[in-house]
Amino acid sequence: MPDLNDVRSFLAEETGLATVSTTQADGRVLSSVVNCGVFDHPVTAESCVALVSRGAAARVGHVRRGSEVTVAARRGWSWVGVTGPADLIGPDDVPSSMDAEAVRVLLRDIYSAAGGVHDDWDEYDRVMAADGRLAVLISPHRILGNGSA
């Protein structure tokens, strides 16, 4: 069975490029392509799969409603998928153990864990705030796959 080390390897192959899926209220699946990485949850310290999302993205509403999240990465004929509940941390979802500065740094750290690089971190912070971006942290309750990256 694959584990989070396999997930980390798959995501490292293409700067974290993967498909993320949530369930809409009517039961249909919504999928999109995102960059994500394996990351230690800032509250629980448990390893998870994390991504930065626009606050207005439909997936955020699905998570708020209770949808689990699936992240799937494919490299050639091999694939790995992670499914589980997700926590949201952002401007409207700040845990009591964090403040706005910690959230700002968290978004940078997740971006970097997903393979992102930036020449102007102040501009990155400005865009994240303007877009209401937030962290989506998926607990790996189920990991499936058919090979290694």
Protein backbone atom coordinates (compact mmCIF):
# COMPACT_ATOMS: atom_id res chain seq x y z
CA MET A 1 0.00 0.00 0.00
CA PRO A 2 1.29 3.48 -0.80
CA ASP A 3 1.95 5.97 2.00
CA LEU A 4 2.62 9.69 2.34
CA ASN A 5 6.24 9.19 1.22
CA ASP A 6 4.89 7.88 -2.09
CA VAL A 7 2.54 10.86 -2.29
CA ARG A 8 5.45 13.23 -1.62
CA SER A 9 7.48 11.57 -4.42
CA PHE A 10 4.63 11.82 -6.91
CA LEU A 11 4.01 15.48 -6.09
CA ALA A 12 7.71 16.35 -6.27
CA GLU A 13 7.85 15.06 -9.86
CA GLU A 14 5.89 18.03 -11.27
CA THR A 15 5.89 20.80 -8.66
CA GLY A 16 2.91 19.34 -6.88
CA LEU A 17 0.57 19.16 -9.86
CA ALA A 18 -2.47 17.02 -9.01
CA THR A 19 -6.22 16.80 -9.43
CA VAL A 20 -8.32 17.77 -6.42
CA SER A 21 -11.94 16.61 -6.17
CA THR A 22 -14.79 17.45 -3.80
CA THR A 23 -18.45 16.50 -3.70
CA GLN A 24 -21.09 19.08 -4.50
CA ALA A 25 -24.38 19.30 -2.57
CA ASP A 26 -26.19 17.35 -5.32
CA GLY A 27 -23.64 14.51 -5.15
CA ARG A 28 -21.76 15.38 -8.34
CA VAL A 29 -17.96 15.49 -8.15
CA LEU A 30 -16.10 18.72 -8.89
CA SER A 31 -12.46 18.36 -9.94
CA SER A 32 -9.74 20.85 -10.77
CA VAL A 33 -5.98 20.87 -11.15
CA VAL A 34 -3.92 22.39 -8.34
CA ASN A 35 -0.42 22.41 -6.91
CA CYS A 36 -0.11 20.74 -3.52
CA GLY A 37 2.46 19.17 -1.25
CA VAL A 38 2.87 16.97 1.78
CA PHE A 39 3.02 19.24 4.80
CA ASP A 40 2.80 19.10 8.61
CA HIS A 41 -0.55 20.45 9.78
CA PRO A 42 0.16 23.62 11.80
CA VAL A 43 -2.35 22.73 14.54
CA THR A 44 -2.18 18.93 14.82
CA ALA A 45 1.44 18.46 13.59
CA GLU A 46 0.17 15.43 11.61
CA SER A 47 1.38 15.02 8.04
CA CYS A 48 -1.25 15.93 5.47
CA VAL A 49 -1.63 17.04 1.87
CA ALA A 50 -1.94 20.82 1.63
CA LEU A 51 -2.80 23.38 -1.02
CA VAL A 52 -3.57 27.08 -1.19
CA SER A 53 -7.00 27.91 -2.59
CA ARG A 54 -8.94 31.02 -3.49
CA GLY A 55 -11.47 31.64 -0.75
CA ALA A 56 -14.24 31.92 -3.35
CA ALA A 57 -13.43 28.55 -4.96
CA ALA A 58 -16.34 26.11 -4.97
CA ARG A 59 -14.17 23.47 -3.27
CA VAL A 60 -13.99 25.67 -0.16
CA GLY A 61 -17.78 25.72 0.14
CA HIS A 62 -17.87 21.95 -0.35
CA VAL A 63 -15.34 21.45 2.47
CA ARG A 64 -17.32 23.81 4.73
CA ARG A 65 -20.38 21.65 4.03
CA GLY A 66 -18.46 18.50 5.02
CA SER A 67 -17.19 17.11 1.73
CA GLU A 68 -14.08 15.01 1.93
CA VAL A 69 -11.31 15.88 -0.50
CA THR A 70 -9.44 13.59 -2.86
CA VAL A 71 -6.08 14.54 -4.33
CA ALA A 72 -4.82 12.34 -7.18
CA ALA A 73 -1.47 12.52 -8.94
CA ARG A 74 -0.47 10.57 -12.05
CA ARG A 75 3.00 10.11 -13.48
CA GLY A 76 3.03 7.92 -16.56
CA TRP A 77 1.02 4.80 -15.82
CA SER A 78 1.47 5.13 -12.04
CA TRP A 79 -0.85 7.05 -9.76
CA VAL A 80 -1.53 7.77 -6.11
CA GLY A 81 -4.61 9.23 -4.43
CA VAL A 82 -5.29 10.61 -0.97
CA THR A 83 -8.80 11.01 0.46
CA GLY A 84 -9.92 12.49 3.75
CA PRO A 85 -11.54 15.36 5.56
CA ALA A 86 -9.97 18.77 5.23
CA ASP A 87 -9.34 21.71 7.53
CA LEU A 88 -9.42 25.28 6.27
CA ILE A 89 -7.07 27.93 7.65
CA GLY A 90 -7.29 31.45 6.31
CA PRO A 91 -8.57 34.96 6.94
CA ASP A 92 -12.02 33.71 8.00
CA ASP A 93 -10.77 30.44 9.55
CA VAL A 94 -7.99 31.26 12.00
CA PRO A 95 -7.49 28.62 14.71
CA SER A 96 -7.11 29.97 18.24
CA SER A 97 -3.48 28.81 18.25
CA MET A 98 -2.62 31.04 15.26
CA ASP A 99 -2.77 34.71 14.35
CA ALA A 100 -2.89 36.57 11.01
CA GLU A 101 0.91 36.58 10.75
CA ALA A 102 1.04 32.81 11.23
CA VAL A 103 -1.58 32.37 8.50
CA ARG A 104 0.43 34.60 6.14
CA VAL A 105 3.54 32.48 6.72
CA LEU A 106 1.51 29.25 6.42
CA LEU A 107 0.35 30.18 2.92
CA ARG A 108 3.95 30.86 1.88
CA ASP A 109 5.14 27.58 3.40
CA ILE A 110 2.45 25.52 1.67
CA TYR A 111 3.21 27.24 -1.65
CA SER A 112 6.88 26.31 -1.23
CA ALA A 113 6.02 22.72 -0.19
CA ALA A 114 4.03 22.43 -3.42
CA GLY A 115 7.15 23.34 -5.40
CA GLY A 116 6.38 27.03 -5.80
CA VAL A 117 9.05 29.71 -5.91
CA HIS A 118 8.49 33.46 -5.87
CA ASP A 119 10.73 36.43 -6.57
CA ASP A 120 8.65 38.90 -4.56
CA TRP A 121 7.13 37.52 -1.35
CA ASP A 122 5.53 40.86 -0.49
CA GLU A 123 3.63 40.72 -3.79
CA TYR A 124 2.70 37.08 -3.08
CA ASP A 125 1.29 38.12 0.32
CA ARG A 126 -0.64 41.00 -1.29
CA VAL A 127 -2.25 38.72 -3.88
CA MET A 128 -3.09 36.06 -1.28
CA ALA A 129 -4.86 38.66 0.87
CA ALA A 130 -6.66 40.26 -2.10
CA ASP A 131 -7.94 36.85 -3.26
CA GLY A 132 -8.93 35.74 0.26
CA ARG A 133 -6.67 32.71 -0.19
CA LEU A 134 -6.60 30.02 2.45
CA ALA A 135 -4.94 26.73 3.27
CA VAL A 136 -6.74 23.45 2.61
CA LEU A 137 -5.18 20.67 4.71
CA ILE A 138 -6.34 17.14 3.82
CA SER A 139 -5.97 14.38 6.40
CA PRO A 140 -4.79 11.20 4.65
CA HIS A 141 -7.50 8.80 5.88
CA ARG A 142 -7.12 6.69 2.74
CA ILE A 143 -4.17 6.39 0.36
CA LEU A 144 -4.40 4.28 -2.78
CA GLY A 145 -2.16 3.80 -5.77
CA ASN A 146 -0.63 1.38 -8.21
CA GLY A 147 3.07 2.14 -8.19
CA SER A 148 5.82 4.53 -7.37
CA ALA A 149 6.87 7.72 -9.12
